C-alpha atoms as a PDB file:
ATOM      1  CA  MET A   1     -59.106   7.473 -61.829  1.00  0.00           C
ATOM      2  CA  ASN A   2     -58.742  10.780 -63.724  1.00  0.00           C
ATOM      3  CA  GLU A   3     -62.185  11.886 -62.599  1.00  0.00           C
ATOM      4  CA  HIS A   4     -60.877  11.658 -59.028  1.00  0.00           C
ATOM      5  CA  LEU A   5     -57.508  13.283 -59.646  1.00  0.00           C
ATOM      6  CA  LEU A   6     -56.657  15.090 -56.433  1.00  0.00           C
ATOM      7  CA  ARG A   7     -56.122  18.793 -56.936  1.00  0.00           C
ATOM      8  CA  GLY A   8     -54.698  21.068 -54.291  1.00  0.00           C
ATOM      9  CA  THR A   9     -57.015  23.894 -55.284  1.00  0.00           C
ATOM     10  CA  GLN A  10     -60.016  21.585 -54.775  1.00  0.00           C
ATOM     11  CA  TYR A  11     -58.639  20.673 -51.372  1.00  0.00           C
ATOM     12  CA  LEU A  12     -58.341  24.349 -50.393  1.00  0.00           C
ATOM     13  CA  LYS A  13     -61.962  24.885 -51.422  1.00  0.00           C
ATOM     14  CA  PHE A  14     -62.900  21.923 -49.229  1.00  0.00           C
ATOM     15  CA  ILE A  15     -60.912  23.388 -46.305  1.00  0.00           C
ATOM     16  CA  ARG A  16     -62.655  26.766 -46.708  1.00  0.00           C
ATOM     17  CA  SER A  17     -66.033  24.978 -46.623  1.00  0.00           C
ATOM     18  CA  GLN A  18     -65.458  23.622 -43.114  1.00  0.00           C
ATOM     19  CA  LYS A  19     -67.642  25.115 -40.390  1.00  0.00           C
ATOM     20  CA  TYR A  20     -65.241  24.949 -37.481  1.00  0.00           C
ATOM     21  CA  CYS A  21     -61.709  26.048 -36.737  1.00  0.00           C
ATOM     22  CA  CYS A  22     -59.721  22.882 -36.018  1.00  0.00           C
ATOM     23  CA  VAL A  23     -57.742  24.722 -33.328  1.00  0.00           C
ATOM     24  CA  CYS A  24     -60.345  26.474 -31.137  1.00  0.00           C
ATOM     25  CA  MET A  25     -63.383  24.564 -32.487  1.00  0.00           C
ATOM     26  CA  GLN A  26     -65.365  27.792 -32.851  1.00  0.00           C
ATOM     27  CA  GLU A  27     -67.808  28.193 -35.719  1.00  0.00           C
ATOM     28  CA  LYS A  28     -66.236  31.093 -37.573  1.00  0.00           C
ATOM     29  CA  ASN A  29     -65.168  32.101 -41.051  1.00  0.00           C
ATOM     30  CA  ILE A  30     -62.495  29.633 -42.043  1.00  0.00           C
ATOM     31  CA  GLU A  31     -59.290  30.163 -43.951  1.00  0.00           C
ATOM     32  CA  PRO A  32     -56.665  27.583 -44.862  1.00  0.00           C
ATOM     33  CA  HIS A  33     -53.401  27.540 -42.959  1.00  0.00           C
ATOM     34  CA  HIS A  34     -50.563  25.731 -44.759  1.00  0.00           C
ATOM     35  CA  LEU A  35     -48.406  23.747 -42.337  1.00  0.00           C
ATOM     36  CA  LYS A  36     -45.726  23.525 -45.014  1.00  0.00           C
ATOM     37  CA  ALA A  37     -45.016  27.101 -46.012  1.00  0.00           C
ATOM     38  CA  ILE A  38     -45.619  28.092 -49.616  1.00  0.00           C
ATOM     39  CA  GLY A  39     -43.020  30.832 -49.518  1.00  0.00           C
ATOM     40  CA  MET A  40     -42.955  34.442 -50.560  1.00  0.00           C
ATOM     41  CA  GLY A  41     -43.558  35.118 -54.218  1.00  0.00           C
ATOM     42  CA  ASN A  42     -45.204  31.795 -55.044  1.00  0.00           C
ATOM     43  CA  ASN A  43     -48.646  31.969 -56.612  1.00  0.00           C
ATOM     44  CA  ARG A  44     -51.075  30.280 -54.223  1.00  0.00           C
ATOM     45  CA  LYS A  45     -53.526  29.791 -57.089  1.00  0.00           C
ATOM     46  CA  ASN A  46     -51.184  27.298 -58.787  1.00  0.00           C
ATOM     47  CA  GLU A  47     -51.352  23.589 -58.061  1.00  0.00           C
ATOM     48  CA  MET A  48     -48.729  22.631 -55.470  1.00  0.00           C
ATOM     49  CA  PRO A  49     -48.331  19.808 -52.966  1.00  0.00           C
ATOM     50  CA  GLU A  50     -48.195  22.283 -50.059  1.00  0.00           C
ATOM     51  CA  HIS A  51     -51.964  22.808 -50.426  1.00  0.00           C
ATOM     52  CA  PHE A  52     -52.503  19.335 -48.980  1.00  0.00           C
ATOM     53  CA  THR A  53     -50.949  20.455 -45.684  1.00  0.00           C
ATOM     54  CA  ALA A  54     -53.677  23.053 -45.111  1.00  0.00           C
ATOM     55  CA  ILE A  55     -55.946  22.947 -42.084  1.00  0.00           C
ATOM     56  CA  PRO A  56     -59.111  25.001 -41.451  1.00  0.00           C
ATOM     57  CA  VAL A  57     -58.495  27.825 -38.990  1.00  0.00           C
ATOM     58  CA  CYS A  58     -60.247  31.013 -37.965  1.00  0.00           C
ATOM     59  CA  ARG A  59     -58.450  34.328 -38.417  1.00  0.00           C
ATOM     60  CA  GLU A  60     -57.606  34.633 -34.715  1.00  0.00           C
ATOM     61  CA  CYS A  61     -55.955  31.199 -34.562  1.00  0.00           C
ATOM     62  CA  HIS A  62     -54.158  31.854 -37.852  1.00  0.00           C
ATOM     63  CA  ILE A  63     -52.653  35.049 -36.434  1.00  0.00           C
ATOM     64  CA  GLU A  64     -51.790  33.280 -33.169  1.00  0.00           C
ATOM     65  CA  TYR A  65     -49.936  30.558 -35.098  1.00  0.00           C
ATOM     66  CA  HIS A  66     -47.875  33.068 -37.070  1.00  0.00           C
ATOM     67  CA  THR A  67     -47.097  35.330 -34.106  1.00  0.00           C
ATOM     68  CA  LYS A  68     -46.521  32.776 -31.329  1.00  0.00           C
ATOM     69  CA  GLY A  69     -45.630  29.652 -33.285  1.00  0.00           C
ATOM     70  CA  GLN A  70     -46.766  26.085 -33.718  1.00  0.00           C
ATOM     71  CA  LYS A  71     -45.276  24.838 -30.436  1.00  0.00           C
ATOM     72  CA  TYR A  72     -47.098  27.509 -28.415  1.00  0.00           C
ATOM     73  CA  GLN A  73     -50.406  26.780 -30.130  1.00  0.00           C
ATOM     74  CA  SER A  74     -49.973  23.009 -29.832  1.00  0.00           C
ATOM     75  CA  ASN A  75     -49.367  23.301 -26.087  1.00  0.00           C
ATOM     76  CA  LYS A  76     -52.169  25.806 -25.511  1.00  0.00           C
ATOM     77  CA  TRP A  77     -54.823  23.810 -27.369  1.00  0.00           C
ATOM     78  CA  LYS A  78     -53.362  20.287 -26.843  1.00  0.00           C
ATOM     79  CA  LEU A  79     -53.284  19.880 -30.598  1.00  0.00           C
ATOM     80  CA  ASN A  80     -51.105  18.090 -33.122  1.00  0.00           C
ATOM     81  CA  HIS A  81     -51.438  20.155 -36.309  1.00  0.00           C
ATOM     82  CA  TRP A  82     -50.131  17.347 -38.547  1.00  0.00           C
ATOM     83  CA  LYS A  83     -52.641  14.839 -37.170  1.00  0.00           C
ATOM     84  CA  GLU A  84     -55.392  17.366 -37.861  1.00  0.00           C
ATOM     85  CA  SER A  85     -54.087  17.768 -41.404  1.00  0.00           C
ATOM     86  CA  THR A  86     -54.231  14.010 -41.930  1.00  0.00           C
ATOM     87  CA  LYS A  87     -57.837  13.869 -40.663  1.00  0.00           C
ATOM     88  CA  TYR A  88     -58.899  16.506 -43.189  1.00  0.00           C
ATOM     89  CA  ILE A  89     -57.120  14.791 -46.078  1.00  0.00           C
ATOM     90  CA  ILE A  90     -58.957  11.554 -45.242  1.00  0.00           C
ATOM     91  CA  LYS A  91     -62.260  13.426 -44.965  1.00  0.00           C
ATOM     92  CA  PHE A  92     -61.601  15.091 -48.340  1.00  0.00           C
ATOM     93  CA  ILE A  93     -60.757  11.797 -50.057  1.00  0.00           C
ATOM     94  CA  ASN A  94     -63.896  10.181 -48.631  1.00  0.00           C
ATOM     95  CA  GLU A  95     -66.007  13.094 -49.815  1.00  0.00           C
ATOM     96  CA  ILE A  96     -64.717  13.081 -53.392  1.00  0.00           C
ATOM     97  CA  SER A  97     -64.937   9.280 -53.531  1.00  0.00           C
ATOM     98  CA  ARG A  98     -68.692   9.529 -52.955  1.00  0.00           C
ATOM     99  CA  SER A  99     -69.211  12.072 -55.732  1.00  0.00           C
END
């Protein structure tokens, strides 16, 4: 099982490799958005469980989330961020299981 040890940094790389923003579904440059905040001063390069709450978003949707909030974005796009997060975790596990 060690060869398939789940690493948060691997998961973030997987999230960055996605083609589409999970909010607006546009094909844009993707960045990870952590649904569970990492917090100021924490090194994002370290392994931490919060990485597994990341979803792939474009810059515009990332800014919208941080300026208008999760509730606004959920209502606007008819989206459950946590369900999206779960879908990507499952996709990630399936992908590494095949390798």
